[in-house]
């Protein structure tokens, strides 16, 4: 009986020991898991510290915002800008001043002409007649006489270059305005150089009918008439050295052979003298130039600078003289 009781008591003690060991093992596992959850980088302690820091940062930002708003309110109450920084306004470049128009009461004869309005290029010619002013006169004798009629509804012009030095002296350079109320050209301009520097026939094989004028202001129409007659060989067969075949490109650009009256105005208005001792060569001019004015069947008018006259007495159409063109702008 006693042995049986001892065995039962021993069995109870054994169970208790096993349970204790299991409990300890479970506790150790739980402790390890707990330590891992608490102590690792993403553990409870780390997250708690991060949360604490985030709360501190948010609190500091809130305090700074409150302080900024307080400063702004104080500044506004004192008449300031409230500490609010606004971006600087973009600087608007100053508008270029519109150049002044050349008065229509001021003669611009002797000024240079910049036909394309480009200050980077050289002037294309010299002004010898101003239709806002008009005028009349003669070069040497009645054959060089001219009348410049005044015109209205003229274009506007401005000084594109204050001073340019050329063969016609040192003078301002004019250019036409792009936005202008008027429609009509104001100035007559002579080119600053001869066509190709060579002499040419008027119409070498021609026997002409007089269809052109000697008057000032007719050079453009004279040229158109002669170009048509030459192109169609109306007065006779064309020669390669006739001036009308030479100037086709320039005529398309608005240039023309001056009439007798336009040559007289050019020479007289600019004070150009001929004959021996004359000053024409100092202006870069040659001895003798064709006009676009016919004289009769076999003669055309020319500006004979070497003899100081505008004549047609010995200017046969098969003679050769220099060619210089004029235009308006």
Protein backbone atom coordinates (compact mmCIF):
# COMPACT_ATOMS: atom_id res chain seq x y z
CA UNK A 1 0.00 0.00 0.00
CA UNK A 2 2.72 2.42 0.89
CA UNK A 3 4.71 1.48 -2.18
CA UNK A 4 1.71 2.27 -4.34
CA UNK A 5 1.31 5.69 -2.73
CA UNK A 6 4.98 6.44 -3.22
CA UNK A 7 4.76 5.62 -6.90
CA UNK A 8 1.76 7.92 -7.38
CA UNK A 9 3.47 10.80 -5.54
CA UNK A 10 6.59 10.30 -7.64
CA UNK A 11 4.45 10.42 -10.82
CA UNK A 12 2.84 13.72 -9.80
CA UNK A 13 6.27 15.26 -9.14
CA UNK A 14 7.49 14.16 -12.57
CA UNK A 15 4.58 15.78 -14.36
CA UNK A 16 5.14 18.98 -12.49
CA UNK A 17 8.81 19.14 -13.49
CA UNK A 18 8.00 18.55 -17.16
CA UNK A 19 5.37 21.27 -17.04
CA UNK A 20 7.86 23.59 -15.46
CA UNK A 21 10.41 22.94 -18.15
CA UNK A 22 7.84 23.50 -20.90
CA UNK A 23 6.68 26.70 -19.24
CA UNK A 24 10.23 27.96 -19.03
CA UNK A 25 10.80 27.18 -22.71
CA UNK A 26 7.57 28.98 -23.69
CA UNK A 27 8.54 31.93 -21.55
CA UNK A 28 11.96 32.04 -23.18
CA UNK A 29 10.38 32.01 -26.66
CA UNK A 30 7.95 34.77 -25.69
CA UNK A 31 10.79 36.74 -24.17
CA UNK A 32 12.80 36.43 -27.38
CA UNK A 33 9.87 37.50 -29.50
CA UNK A 34 9.16 40.39 -27.19
CA UNK A 35 12.76 41.54 -27.16
CA UNK A 36 12.85 41.31 -30.98
CA UNK A 37 9.67 43.36 -31.35
CA UNK A 38 10.85 45.95 -28.89
CA UNK A 39 14.56 46.29 -29.63
CA UNK A 40 15.04 45.91 -33.39
CA UNK A 41 15.29 48.85 -35.85
CA UNK A 42 11.59 48.64 -36.63
CA UNK A 43 10.69 47.72 -33.11
CA UNK A 44 8.30 49.38 -30.74
CA UNK A 45 10.98 51.48 -29.05
CA UNK A 46 12.38 52.75 -32.36
CA UNK A 47 8.91 53.57 -33.68
CA UNK A 48 8.03 55.28 -30.45
CA UNK A 49 11.19 57.40 -30.69
CA UNK A 50 10.40 58.28 -34.33
CA UNK A 51 6.85 59.20 -33.41
CA UNK A 52 8.18 61.39 -30.64
CA UNK A 53 10.58 63.13 -33.06
CA UNK A 54 7.84 63.61 -35.65
CA UNK A 55 5.64 65.18 -33.02
CA UNK A 56 8.48 67.49 -32.00
CA UNK A 57 9.13 68.53 -35.66
CA UNK A 58 5.45 69.16 -36.29
CA UNK A 59 5.20 71.20 -33.13
CA UNK A 60 8.23 73.29 -34.16
CA UNK A 61 6.79 73.91 -37.64
CA UNK A 62 3.47 74.88 -36.13
CA UNK A 63 5.18 77.31 -33.76
CA UNK A 64 7.16 78.80 -36.68
CA UNK A 65 4.00 79.21 -38.77
CA UNK A 66 2.23 80.87 -35.87
CA UNK A 67 5.24 83.18 -35.42
CA UNK A 68 5.29 84.08 -39.14
CA UNK A 69 1.58 84.85 -39.14
CA UNK A 70 2.03 86.94 -36.03
CA UNK A 71 4.89 88.89 -37.64
CA UNK A 72 2.85 89.41 -40.81
CA UNK A 73 -0.14 90.71 -38.87
CA UNK A 74 2.08 93.08 -36.91
CA UNK A 75 3.72 94.37 -40.09
CA UNK A 76 0.37 94.90 -41.81
CA UNK A 77 -0.94 96.79 -38.80
CA UNK A 78 2.14 99.04 -39.07
CA UNK A 79 1.50 99.74 -42.75
CA UNK A 80 4.12 97.37 -44.18
CA UNK A 81 3.88 94.52 -46.65
CA UNK A 82 3.34 91.97 -43.94
CA UNK A 83 6.65 90.32 -44.64
CA UNK A 84 5.06 88.73 -47.69
CA UNK A 85 7.68 88.43 -50.38
CA UNK A 86 6.35 88.96 -53.88
CA UNK A 87 8.40 88.08 -56.94
CA UNK A 88 9.95 91.09 -58.66
CA UNK A 89 8.08 92.29 -61.70
CA UNK A 90 9.77 91.51 -64.96
CA UNK A 91 11.40 94.57 -66.39
CA UNK A 92 9.68 95.68 -69.57
CA UNK A 93 12.26 96.79 -72.12
CA UNK A 94 11.77 100.43 -73.00
CA UNK A 95 9.97 100.96 -76.26
CA UNK A 96 12.16 102.27 -79.03
CA UNK A 97 11.31 105.82 -79.82
CA UNK A 98 9.76 106.34 -83.21
CA UNK A 99 12.23 108.40 -85.26
CA UNK A 100 11.05 111.87 -86.19
CA UNK A 101 9.69 112.49 -89.65
CA UNK A 102 11.68 114.74 -91.93
CA UNK A 103 9.60 117.94 -92.26
CA UNK A 104 8.11 118.58 -95.65
CA UNK A 105 9.29 122.17 -95.37
CA UNK A 106 12.93 121.10 -95.22
CA UNK A 107 14.72 120.40 -98.50
CA UNK A 108 16.72 117.18 -98.43
CA UNK A 109 18.56 117.69 -101.71
CA UNK A 110 22.14 116.49 -101.23
CA UNK A 111 21.25 113.90 -98.59
CA UNK A 112 22.08 110.27 -99.24
CA UNK A 113 19.33 107.69 -99.76
CA UNK A 114 19.11 104.31 -98.05
CA UNK A 115 16.43 102.65 -100.17
CA UNK A 116 16.07 99.43 -98.17
CA UNK A 117 16.18 101.05 -94.71
CA UNK A 118 19.05 98.84 -93.58
CA UNK A 119 21.66 100.80 -91.57
CA UNK A 120 24.18 98.01 -92.13
CA UNK A 121 24.34 98.64 -95.88
CA UNK A 122 25.80 101.52 -97.83
CA UNK A 123 23.48 104.22 -99.24
CA UNK A 124 22.35 103.50 -102.79
CA UNK A 125 22.16 107.04 -104.10
CA UNK A 126 22.14 110.80 -103.69
CA UNK A 127 18.93 112.86 -103.55
CA UNK A 128 18.73 115.52 -106.25
CA UNK A 129 15.05 116.52 -106.22
CA UNK A 130 12.55 116.94 -103.39
CA UNK A 131 8.90 116.92 -104.48
CA UNK A 132 7.80 118.45 -101.17
CA UNK A 133 9.75 121.57 -102.13
CA UNK A 134 9.68 121.58 -105.94
CA UNK A 135 11.71 124.08 -107.92
CA UNK A 136 13.06 124.96 -111.32
CA UNK A 137 16.32 125.93 -112.97
CA UNK A 138 18.72 124.99 -115.72
CA UNK A 139 22.16 123.56 -116.09
CA UNK A 140 24.26 125.81 -118.34
CA UNK A 141 21.62 126.60 -121.00
CA UNK A 142 17.98 126.01 -121.93
CA UNK A 143 18.68 122.41 -122.94
CA UNK A 144 19.41 121.69 -119.27
CA UNK A 145 16.26 123.41 -118.00
CA UNK A 146 13.82 121.65 -115.69
CA UNK A 147 10.72 122.21 -113.57
CA UNK A 148 10.13 120.09 -110.46
CA UNK A 149 6.43 120.13 -109.67
CA UNK A 150 5.42 119.83 -106.04
CA UNK A 151 3.48 116.73 -105.00
CA UNK A 152 1.14 115.80 -102.17
CA UNK A 153 0.28 112.66 -100.20
CA UNK A 154 3.99 111.96 -99.78
CA UNK A 155 5.56 109.14 -97.81
CA UNK A 156 7.28 109.78 -94.45
CA UNK A 157 11.06 109.55 -94.05
CA UNK A 158 13.56 109.66 -91.20
CA UNK A 159 17.31 109.99 -90.68
CA UNK A 160 18.71 106.46 -90.49
CA UNK A 161 22.32 107.68 -90.24
CA UNK A 162 23.33 111.09 -88.95
CA UNK A 163 26.45 111.41 -91.03
CA UNK A 164 27.81 109.57 -94.04
CA UNK A 165 30.92 110.60 -95.97
CA UNK A 166 30.93 109.88 -99.69
CA UNK A 167 31.82 111.47 -103.01
CA UNK A 168 29.00 113.97 -102.58
CA UNK A 169 30.27 115.16 -99.21
CA UNK A 170 29.32 114.35 -95.62
CA UNK A 171 25.56 114.39 -95.18
CA UNK A 172 22.76 112.53 -93.35
CA UNK A 173 21.22 109.40 -94.82
CA UNK A 174 17.44 109.14 -95.21
CA UNK A 175 15.25 106.05 -95.25
CA UNK A 176 11.53 105.61 -95.86
CA UNK A 177 9.30 104.70 -92.92
CA UNK A 178 7.46 101.41 -93.13
CA UNK A 179 4.30 102.81 -91.53
CA UNK A 180 3.50 105.96 -93.40
CA UNK A 181 0.32 107.84 -94.16
CA UNK A 182 1.38 108.99 -97.61
CA UNK A 183 1.66 106.85 -100.70
CA UNK A 184 3.75 108.88 -103.14
CA UNK A 185 7.55 108.94 -103.42
CA UNK A 186 9.04 112.23 -102.34
CA UNK A 187 12.60 112.08 -103.68
CA UNK A 188 14.49 111.58 -106.93
CA UNK A 189 17.77 109.75 -106.42
CA UNK A 190 20.80 109.28 -108.66
CA UNK A 191 22.91 106.13 -108.27
CA UNK A 192 26.40 106.56 -106.86
CA UNK A 193 28.13 104.64 -109.66
CA UNK A 194 27.87 103.92 -113.38
CA UNK A 195 26.46 100.72 -114.82
CA UNK A 196 29.45 98.36 -115.28
CA UNK A 197 31.86 101.27 -115.92
CA UNK A 198 31.61 100.82 -119.70
CA UNK A 199 30.16 102.85 -122.57
CA UNK A 200 27.12 101.58 -124.50
CA UNK A 201 24.98 102.33 -127.54
CA UNK A 202 21.59 103.95 -127.21
CA UNK A 203 20.17 101.81 -130.03
CA UNK A 204 22.93 100.93 -132.48
CA UNK A 205 20.79 99.70 -135.35
CA UNK A 206 17.81 101.93 -134.67
CA UNK A 207 15.82 104.32 -136.80
CA UNK A 208 13.44 105.70 -134.20
CA UNK A 209 10.10 107.35 -133.90
CA UNK A 210 10.22 109.97 -131.13
CA UNK A 211 8.01 108.60 -128.34
CA UNK A 212 9.73 109.90 -125.22
CA UNK A 213 9.82 113.23 -123.35
CA UNK A 214 12.58 115.57 -122.24
CA UNK A 215 10.69 116.85 -119.16
CA UNK A 216 11.58 116.28 -115.54
CA UNK A 217 9.60 113.37 -114.10
CA UNK A 218 9.33 111.39 -117.36
CA UNK A 219 12.46 109.25 -117.12
CA UNK A 220 10.65 106.22 -115.70
CA UNK A 221 8.04 106.20 -118.47
CA UNK A 222 10.70 106.93 -121.12
CA UNK A 223 12.65 103.91 -119.95
CA UNK A 224 9.57 101.68 -120.00
CA UNK A 225 8.81 102.83 -123.55
CA UNK A 226 12.34 102.25 -124.82
CA UNK A 227 12.61 98.86 -123.10
CA UNK A 228 9.42 97.75 -124.86
CA UNK A 229 10.60 99.02 -128.24
CA UNK A 230 14.01 97.40 -127.86
CA UNK A 231 12.67 94.07 -126.58
CA UNK A 232 10.38 93.89 -129.60
CA UNK A 233 13.06 95.21 -131.99
CA UNK A 234 10.61 97.87 -133.16
CA UNK A 235 13.31 100.36 -134.21
CA UNK A 236 15.70 97.79 -135.66
CA UNK A 237 17.68 94.72 -134.68
CA UNK A 238 19.03 94.58 -131.15
CA UNK A 239 22.73 94.83 -130.38
CA UNK A 240 24.28 93.19 -127.34
CA UNK A 241 25.89 96.48 -126.37
CA UNK A 242 22.66 98.53 -126.48
CA UNK A 243 22.01 99.97 -123.03
CA UNK A 244 18.43 98.63 -122.86
CA UNK A 245 19.60 95.04 -122.73
CA UNK A 246 22.12 95.94 -120.07
CA UNK A 247 19.72 97.35 -117.47
CA UNK A 248 16.88 94.81 -117.44
CA UNK A 249 17.48 93.66 -113.86
CA UNK A 250 17.82 97.21 -112.50
CA UNK A 251 14.64 98.36 -114.27
CA UNK A 252 12.73 95.52 -112.60
CA UNK A 253 13.97 96.92 -109.28
CA UNK A 254 12.60 100.42 -110.03
CA UNK A 255 15.63 102.12 -111.59
CA UNK A 256 15.44 104.04 -114.87
CA UNK A 257 17.53 106.13 -117.28
CA UNK A 258 17.03 109.82 -116.37
CA UNK A 259 15.32 112.14 -118.83
CA UNK A 260 17.07 115.26 -120.16
CA UNK A 261 15.32 117.42 -117.54
CA UNK A 262 16.26 115.04 -114.73
CA UNK A 263 19.90 115.21 -115.74
CA UNK A 264 19.67 119.01 -115.70
CA UNK A 265 18.17 118.95 -112.19
CA UNK A 266 20.78 116.51 -110.90
CA UNK A 267 23.71 118.56 -112.17
CA UNK A 268 22.34 121.98 -111.24
CA UNK A 269 20.80 121.17 -107.84
CA UNK A 270 24.00 119.54 -106.60
CA UNK A 271 26.30 122.24 -108.00
CA UNK A 272 28.14 120.00 -110.45
CA UNK A 273 30.13 121.86 -113.09
CA UNK A 274 31.56 120.63 -116.40
CA UNK A 275 34.19 121.44 -118.99
CA UNK A 276 37.87 121.72 -118.20
CA UNK A 277 38.29 122.86 -114.63
CA UNK A 278 34.84 121.50 -113.73
CA UNK A 279 34.29 119.52 -110.55
CA UNK A 280 32.31 116.61 -112.02
CA UNK A 281 35.16 114.12 -111.77
CA UNK A 282 35.47 114.76 -108.02
CA UNK A 283 31.92 113.41 -107.69
CA UNK A 284 32.93 110.20 -109.42
CA UNK A 285 31.16 111.14 -112.66
CA UNK A 286 32.30 110.20 -116.15
CA UNK A 287 32.54 112.50 -119.18
CA UNK A 288 29.18 111.85 -120.84
CA UNK A 289 25.90 110.01 -120.09
CA UNK A 290 22.86 108.90 -122.06
CA UNK A 291 19.45 110.25 -121.10
CA UNK A 292 16.22 108.39 -121.93
CA UNK A 293 14.98 111.29 -124.08
CA UNK A 294 14.98 110.80 -127.85
CA UNK A 295 15.97 113.69 -130.09
CA UNK A 296 14.93 112.49 -133.53
CA UNK A 297 15.27 109.35 -135.63
CA UNK A 298 19.02 108.98 -135.05
CA UNK A 299 19.82 111.18 -132.05
CA UNK A 300 19.18 111.04 -128.32
CA UNK A 301 19.91 113.60 -125.63
CA UNK A 302 22.94 113.18 -123.37
CA UNK A 303 24.57 114.96 -120.45
CA UNK A 304 27.93 116.03 -121.83
CA UNK A 305 29.91 116.93 -118.74
CA UNK A 306 33.22 117.27 -120.54
CA UNK A 307 31.72 120.11 -122.65
CA UNK A 308 29.43 121.44 -119.92
CA UNK A 309 26.09 120.98 -121.69
CA UNK A 310 23.06 118.78 -122.15
CA UNK A 311 22.78 118.22 -125.87
CA UNK A 312 21.75 115.88 -128.63
CA UNK A 313 23.48 117.44 -131.59
CA UNK A 314 26.23 114.85 -131.87
CA UNK A 315 24.75 112.06 -129.75
CA UNK A 316 23.87 109.57 -132.46
CA UNK A 317 22.19 106.39 -131.29
CA UNK A 318 25.19 104.35 -132.49
CA UNK A 319 27.62 106.41 -130.38
CA UNK A 320 28.72 105.00 -127.02
CA UNK A 321 28.38 106.82 -123.70
CA UNK A 322 28.16 105.86 -120.04
CA UNK A 323 24.95 104.89 -118.26
CA UNK A 324 23.93 105.95 -114.78
CA UNK A 325 20.47 105.21 -113.40
CA UNK A 326 17.99 107.11 -111.29
CA UNK A 327 15.06 106.07 -109.10
CA UNK A 328 12.46 107.50 -106.76
CA UNK A 329 11.75 106.61 -103.15
